[in-house]
């Protein structure tokens, strides 16, 4: 049996999490030339940041499935004014209709911290009359569009969503540029 591969990839905006060609979006194939690896979880095309890929089904399930409680850290740029009731709502869990999210760890990011991120292409919409702010949200579920839906329920439309960490793997520690990937060790999780 071949050795397990685990890759960390800094997924750009507008890239779909599949290797097969897509009519509207760039695919992983345009960035990753390693055969027989598959995404462990997904990031929507309009989300950016850390994506892990592996050739090991057991490891893929450990990373992606909510039952393993592997924390996933997101930096989210939101439209509006930050308020304590919205933060408390996210921290205690949000009723999203089809499920109630587990409590999240939430903190407001200082402006200089969000400067660690690359410029998005295309840039987000900026409205001069409506402020925006950044939050760090850590969840262990990762259901379809969960962070965006949680923020919308708290009253904040999501302008930008970047996954910066999965378990102990952190995009900034890896030093990966946008669209770059590198092999990592399973023990890093």
C-alpha atoms as a PDB file:
ATOM      1  CA  UNK A   1       0.000   0.000   0.000  1.00  0.00           C
ATOM      2  CA  UNK A   2       1.394   3.428  -0.891  1.00  0.00           C
ATOM      3  CA  UNK A   3       2.170   5.934   1.838  1.00  0.00           C
ATOM      4  CA  UNK A   4      -0.533   8.424   2.773  1.00  0.00           C
ATOM      5  CA  UNK A   5      -0.233  11.866   1.265  1.00  0.00           C
ATOM      6  CA  UNK A   6      -1.528  14.967   2.982  1.00  0.00           C
ATOM      7  CA  UNK A   7      -1.375  18.302   1.204  1.00  0.00           C
ATOM      8  CA  UNK A   8      -2.200  21.812   2.365  1.00  0.00           C
ATOM      9  CA  UNK A   9      -3.436  24.170  -0.357  1.00  0.00           C
ATOM     10  CA  UNK A  10      -4.190  27.896  -0.175  1.00  0.00           C
ATOM     11  CA  UNK A  11      -7.307  27.964  -2.358  1.00  0.00           C
ATOM     12  CA  UNK A  12      -7.996  31.202  -4.211  1.00  0.00           C
ATOM     13  CA  UNK A  13     -11.415  32.778  -4.620  1.00  0.00           C
ATOM     14  CA  UNK A  14     -13.471  31.384  -7.532  1.00  0.00           C
ATOM     15  CA  UNK A  15     -11.743  27.973  -7.586  1.00  0.00           C
ATOM     16  CA  UNK A  16     -14.028  24.946  -7.321  1.00  0.00           C
ATOM     17  CA  UNK A  17     -13.024  22.062  -5.012  1.00  0.00           C
ATOM     18  CA  UNK A  18     -12.876  19.379  -7.684  1.00  0.00           C
ATOM     19  CA  UNK A  19     -10.270  18.179 -10.151  1.00  0.00           C
ATOM     20  CA  UNK A  20     -12.568  17.753 -13.128  1.00  0.00           C
ATOM     21  CA  UNK A  21     -12.924  20.675 -15.506  1.00  0.00           C
ATOM     22  CA  UNK A  22     -15.740  23.141 -14.820  1.00  0.00           C
ATOM     23  CA  UNK A  23     -17.392  25.489 -17.315  1.00  0.00           C
ATOM     24  CA  UNK A  24     -17.351  28.561 -15.022  1.00  0.00           C
ATOM     25  CA  UNK A  25     -14.567  28.093 -12.467  1.00  0.00           C
ATOM     26  CA  UNK A  26     -10.939  27.097 -12.297  1.00  0.00           C
ATOM     27  CA  UNK A  27     -10.511  23.665 -10.704  1.00  0.00           C
ATOM     28  CA  UNK A  28      -7.922  22.163  -8.390  1.00  0.00           C
ATOM     29  CA  UNK A  29      -6.318  20.607 -11.460  1.00  0.00           C
ATOM     30  CA  UNK A  30      -5.000  24.037 -12.482  1.00  0.00           C
ATOM     31  CA  UNK A  31      -3.051  24.266  -9.203  1.00  0.00           C
ATOM     32  CA  UNK A  32      -2.203  20.772  -7.930  1.00  0.00           C
ATOM     33  CA  UNK A  33      -0.244  18.315 -10.061  1.00  0.00           C
ATOM     34  CA  UNK A  34      -0.149  15.449  -7.565  1.00  0.00           C
ATOM     35  CA  UNK A  35      -2.212  12.426  -8.681  1.00  0.00           C
ATOM     36  CA  UNK A  36      -4.717  10.516  -6.561  1.00  0.00           C
ATOM     37  CA  UNK A  37      -5.402  13.112  -3.854  1.00  0.00           C
ATOM     38  CA  UNK A  38      -8.873  14.388  -3.057  1.00  0.00           C
ATOM     39  CA  UNK A  39     -10.235  17.234  -0.926  1.00  0.00           C
ATOM     40  CA  UNK A  40     -10.897  16.416   2.717  1.00  0.00           C
ATOM     41  CA  UNK A  41     -13.913  18.672   3.073  1.00  0.00           C
ATOM     42  CA  UNK A  42     -14.772  21.562   0.821  1.00  0.00           C
ATOM     43  CA  UNK A  43     -14.600  25.304   0.478  1.00  0.00           C
ATOM     44  CA  UNK A  44     -17.203  27.048  -1.653  1.00  0.00           C
ATOM     45  CA  UNK A  45     -15.980  28.772  -4.793  1.00  0.00           C
ATOM     46  CA  UNK A  46     -16.569  32.144  -3.115  1.00  0.00           C
ATOM     47  CA  UNK A  47     -14.488  31.141  -0.052  1.00  0.00           C
ATOM     48  CA  UNK A  48     -10.706  31.143   0.175  1.00  0.00           C
ATOM     49  CA  UNK A  49      -7.920  29.661   2.226  1.00  0.00           C
ATOM     50  CA  UNK A  50      -6.792  26.359   3.673  1.00  0.00           C
ATOM     51  CA  UNK A  51      -7.927  23.171   1.984  1.00  0.00           C
ATOM     52  CA  UNK A  52      -6.453  19.796   2.906  1.00  0.00           C
ATOM     53  CA  UNK A  53      -6.212  16.988   0.364  1.00  0.00           C
ATOM     54  CA  UNK A  54      -5.288  13.341   0.890  1.00  0.00           C
ATOM     55  CA  UNK A  55      -5.216   9.935  -0.763  1.00  0.00           C
ATOM     56  CA  UNK A  56      -6.279   8.230   2.494  1.00  0.00           C
ATOM     57  CA  UNK A  57     -10.027   7.704   2.993  1.00  0.00           C
ATOM     58  CA  UNK A  58      -9.703   7.246   6.767  1.00  0.00           C
ATOM     59  CA  UNK A  59      -7.774  10.501   7.085  1.00  0.00           C
ATOM     60  CA  UNK A  60     -10.212  12.265   4.772  1.00  0.00           C
ATOM     61  CA  UNK A  61     -13.097  11.270   7.091  1.00  0.00           C
ATOM     62  CA  UNK A  62     -11.130  12.330  10.186  1.00  0.00           C
ATOM     63  CA  UNK A  63     -10.596  15.792   8.703  1.00  0.00           C
ATOM     64  CA  UNK A  64     -14.018  16.366   7.164  1.00  0.00           C
ATOM     65  CA  UNK A  65     -16.595  14.580   9.312  1.00  0.00           C
ATOM     66  CA  UNK A  66     -18.134  16.582  12.200  1.00  0.00           C
ATOM     67  CA  UNK A  67     -18.085  13.559  14.532  1.00  0.00           C
ATOM     68  CA  UNK A  68     -14.291  13.950  14.838  1.00  0.00           C
ATOM     69  CA  UNK A  69     -14.669  17.543  16.135  1.00  0.00           C
ATOM     70  CA  UNK A  70     -11.595  18.817  14.299  1.00  0.00           C
ATOM     71  CA  UNK A  71     -11.731  22.604  14.743  1.00  0.00           C
ATOM     72  CA  UNK A  72     -11.811  24.761  11.644  1.00  0.00           C
ATOM     73  CA  UNK A  73     -10.826  28.421  11.966  1.00  0.00           C
ATOM     74  CA  UNK A  74     -12.300  31.071   9.694  1.00  0.00           C
ATOM     75  CA  UNK A  75     -11.639  34.771   9.301  1.00  0.00           C
ATOM     76  CA  UNK A  76     -14.811  36.457   8.142  1.00  0.00           C
ATOM     77  CA  UNK A  77     -15.256  40.018   6.913  1.00  0.00           C
ATOM     78  CA  UNK A  78     -18.786  41.130   7.720  1.00  0.00           C
ATOM     79  CA  UNK A  79     -20.890  44.098   6.761  1.00  0.00           C
ATOM     80  CA  UNK A  80     -22.376  46.257   9.513  1.00  0.00           C
ATOM     81  CA  UNK A  81     -21.565  47.198  13.101  1.00  0.00           C
ATOM     82  CA  UNK A  82     -20.236  44.649  15.548  1.00  0.00           C
ATOM     83  CA  UNK A  83     -22.473  44.186  18.602  1.00  0.00           C
ATOM     84  CA  UNK A  84     -22.430  41.988  21.683  1.00  0.00           C
ATOM     85  CA  UNK A  85     -25.794  40.318  21.014  1.00  0.00           C
ATOM     86  CA  UNK A  86     -24.627  39.096  17.598  1.00  0.00           C
ATOM     87  CA  UNK A  87     -21.354  37.811  19.049  1.00  0.00           C
ATOM     88  CA  UNK A  88     -23.230  36.031  21.861  1.00  0.00           C
ATOM     89  CA  UNK A  89     -25.628  34.496  19.337  1.00  0.00           C
ATOM     90  CA  UNK A  90     -22.726  32.994  17.345  1.00  0.00           C
ATOM     91  CA  UNK A  91     -20.991  31.803  20.519  1.00  0.00           C
ATOM     92  CA  UNK A  92     -24.017  29.950  21.878  1.00  0.00           C
ATOM     93  CA  UNK A  93     -25.144  28.323  18.633  1.00  0.00           C
ATOM     94  CA  UNK A  94     -27.493  29.524  15.921  1.00  0.00           C
ATOM     95  CA  UNK A  95     -30.796  28.036  14.804  1.00  0.00           C
ATOM     96  CA  UNK A  96     -30.356  27.768  11.034  1.00  0.00           C
ATOM     97  CA  UNK A  97     -33.709  26.092  10.392  1.00  0.00           C
ATOM     98  CA  UNK A  98     -32.403  22.711   9.291  1.00  0.00           C
ATOM     99  CA  UNK A  99     -30.109  22.426  12.333  1.00  0.00           C
ATOM    100  CA  UNK A 100     -28.829  24.364  15.341  1.00  0.00           C
ATOM    101  CA  UNK A 101     -25.111  25.013  15.092  1.00  0.00           C
ATOM    102  CA  UNK A 102     -22.905  23.965  17.960  1.00  0.00           C
ATOM    103  CA  UNK A 103     -21.452  26.830  19.983  1.00  0.00           C
ATOM    104  CA  UNK A 104     -18.594  28.590  18.196  1.00  0.00           C
ATOM    105  CA  UNK A 105     -15.516  30.325  19.517  1.00  0.00           C
ATOM    106  CA  UNK A 106     -15.737  33.929  18.355  1.00  0.00           C
ATOM    107  CA  UNK A 107     -13.399  36.892  18.647  1.00  0.00           C
ATOM    108  CA  UNK A 108     -13.186  40.221  16.900  1.00  0.00           C
ATOM    109  CA  UNK A 109     -10.004  40.541  14.854  1.00  0.00           C
ATOM    110  CA  UNK A 110      -8.004  43.727  15.232  1.00  0.00           C
ATOM    111  CA  UNK A 111      -7.685  45.520  11.883  1.00  0.00           C
ATOM    112  CA  UNK A 112      -3.949  44.962  11.684  1.00  0.00           C
ATOM    113  CA  UNK A 113      -4.422  41.177  12.015  1.00  0.00           C
ATOM    114  CA  UNK A 114      -6.653  40.945   8.945  1.00  0.00           C
ATOM    115  CA  UNK A 115      -3.841  42.702   7.041  1.00  0.00           C
ATOM    116  CA  UNK A 116      -2.042  39.322   7.044  1.00  0.00           C
ATOM    117  CA  UNK A 117      -4.395  38.270   4.240  1.00  0.00           C
ATOM    118  CA  UNK A 118      -3.723  38.742   0.559  1.00  0.00           C
ATOM    119  CA  UNK A 119      -5.826  41.076  -1.582  1.00  0.00           C
ATOM    120  CA  UNK A 120      -8.808  39.297  -3.072  1.00  0.00           C
ATOM    121  CA  UNK A 121      -9.296  39.265  -6.824  1.00  0.00           C
ATOM    122  CA  UNK A 122     -11.893  40.503  -7.569  1.00  0.00           C
ATOM    123  CA  UNK A 123     -12.073  42.789  -4.522  1.00  0.00           C
ATOM    124  CA  UNK A 124     -15.110  42.736  -2.248  1.00  0.00           C
ATOM    125  CA  UNK A 125     -17.770  45.382  -2.633  1.00  0.00           C
ATOM    126  CA  UNK A 126     -17.148  48.338  -0.352  1.00  0.00           C
ATOM    127  CA  UNK A 127     -19.911  50.727   0.590  1.00  0.00           C
ATOM    128  CA  UNK A 128     -18.799  54.045   2.019  1.00  0.00           C
ATOM    129  CA  UNK A 129     -21.896  54.401   4.191  1.00  0.00           C
ATOM    130  CA  UNK A 130     -21.809  50.884   5.692  1.00  0.00           C
ATOM    131  CA  UNK A 131     -18.918  49.816   7.914  1.00  0.00           C
ATOM    132  CA  UNK A 132     -17.401  46.360   8.014  1.00  0.00           C
ATOM    133  CA  UNK A 133     -15.371  44.353  10.526  1.00  0.00           C
ATOM    134  CA  UNK A 134     -13.551  41.014  10.855  1.00  0.00           C
ATOM    135  CA  UNK A 135     -14.305  38.071  13.148  1.00  0.00           C
ATOM    136  CA  UNK A 136     -12.438  34.856  13.829  1.00  0.00           C
ATOM    137  CA  UNK A 137     -14.919  31.994  14.119  1.00  0.00           C
ATOM    138  CA  UNK A 138     -13.894  28.482  15.141  1.00  0.00           C
ATOM    139  CA  UNK A 139     -16.353  25.640  14.541  1.00  0.00           C
ATOM    140  CA  UNK A 140     -16.080  21.869  14.453  1.00  0.00           C
ATOM    141  CA  UNK A 141     -19.068  21.076  12.238  1.00  0.00           C
ATOM    142  CA  UNK A 142     -18.463  22.604   8.807  1.00  0.00           C
ATOM    143  CA  UNK A 143     -21.862  21.969   7.221  1.00  0.00           C
ATOM    144  CA  UNK A 144     -22.816  23.526   3.883  1.00  0.00           C
ATOM    145  CA  UNK A 145     -22.235  27.322   3.986  1.00  0.00           C
ATOM    146  CA  UNK A 146     -22.514  27.148   7.775  1.00  0.00           C
ATOM    147  CA  UNK A 147     -20.356  30.145   8.732  1.00  0.00           C
ATOM    148  CA  UNK A 148     -22.013  32.382   6.140  1.00  0.00           C
ATOM    149  CA  UNK A 149     -25.466  31.286   7.318  1.00  0.00           C
ATOM    150  CA  UNK A 150     -24.573  31.797  10.990  1.00  0.00           C
ATOM    151  CA  UNK A 151     -23.332  35.324  10.320  1.00  0.00           C
ATOM    152  CA  UNK A 152     -26.387  36.206   8.223  1.00  0.00           C
ATOM    153  CA  UNK A 153     -28.638  34.979  11.037  1.00  0.00           C
ATOM    154  CA  UNK A 154     -26.745  37.269  13.434  1.00  0.00           C
ATOM    155  CA  UNK A 155     -27.530  40.164  11.053  1.00  0.00           C
ATOM    156  CA  UNK A 156     -24.192  40.453   9.245  1.00  0.00           C
ATOM    157  CA  UNK A 157     -23.871  39.745   5.515  1.00  0.00           C
ATOM    158  CA  UNK A 158     -20.574  38.018   4.740  1.00  0.00           C
ATOM    159  CA  UNK A 159     -18.266  39.947   2.435  1.00  0.00           C
ATOM    160  CA  UNK A 160     -15.298  37.575   2.570  1.00  0.00           C
ATOM    161  CA  UNK A 161     -14.624  34.188   4.164  1.00  0.00           C
ATOM    162  CA  UNK A 162     -11.124  32.739   4.551  1.00  0.00           C
ATOM    163  CA  UNK A 163     -10.362  29.426   6.285  1.00  0.00           C
ATOM    164  CA  UNK A 164      -7.036  29.937   8.050  1.00  0.00           C
ATOM    165  CA  UNK A 165      -6.810  26.738  10.096  1.00  0.00           C
ATOM    166  CA  UNK A 166      -7.830  23.094  10.364  1.00  0.00           C
ATOM    167  CA  UNK A 167      -6.842  21.425  13.616  1.00  0.00           C
ATOM    168  CA  UNK A 168      -3.280  22.576  14.342  1.00  0.00           C
ATOM    169  CA  UNK A 169      -2.518  23.286  10.673  1.00  0.00           C
ATOM    170  CA  UNK A 170      -2.429  27.047  10.168  1.00  0.00           C
ATOM    171  CA  UNK A 171      -2.114  28.795   6.835  1.00  0.00           C
ATOM    172  CA  UNK A 172       0.170  31.499   8.224  1.00  0.00           C
ATOM    173  CA  UNK A 173       2.546  29.009   9.868  1.00  0.00           C
ATOM    174  CA  UNK A 174       2.873  27.217   6.520  1.00  0.00           C
ATOM    175  CA  UNK A 175       3.655  30.434   4.671  1.00  0.00           C
ATOM    176  CA  UNK A 176       1.691  29.317   1.620  1.00  0.00           C
ATOM    177  CA  UNK A 177       1.054  31.966  -0.989  1.00  0.00           C
ATOM    178  CA  UNK A 178      -2.271  32.101  -2.752  1.00  0.00           C
ATOM    179  CA  UNK A 179      -2.633  29.112  -5.092  1.00  0.00           C
ATOM    180  CA  UNK A 180       0.352  27.282  -3.563  1.00  0.00           C
ATOM    181  CA  UNK A 181       0.396  23.833  -1.931  1.00  0.00           C
ATOM    182  CA  UNK A 182       2.838  21.734   0.044  1.00  0.00           C
ATOM    183  CA  UNK A 183       2.967  18.272   1.585  1.00  0.00           C
ATOM    184  CA  UNK A 184       2.496  18.186   5.350  1.00  0.00           C
ATOM    185  CA  UNK A 185       2.655  15.435   7.965  1.00  0.00           C
ATOM    186  CA  UNK A 186      -0.507  13.819   9.371  1.00  0.00           C
ATOM    187  CA  UNK A 187       0.889  14.517  12.853  1.00  0.00           C
ATOM    188  CA  UNK A 188       0.569  18.265  12.119  1.00  0.00           C
ATOM    189  CA  UNK A 189      -3.214  17.956  12.438  1.00  0.00           C
END
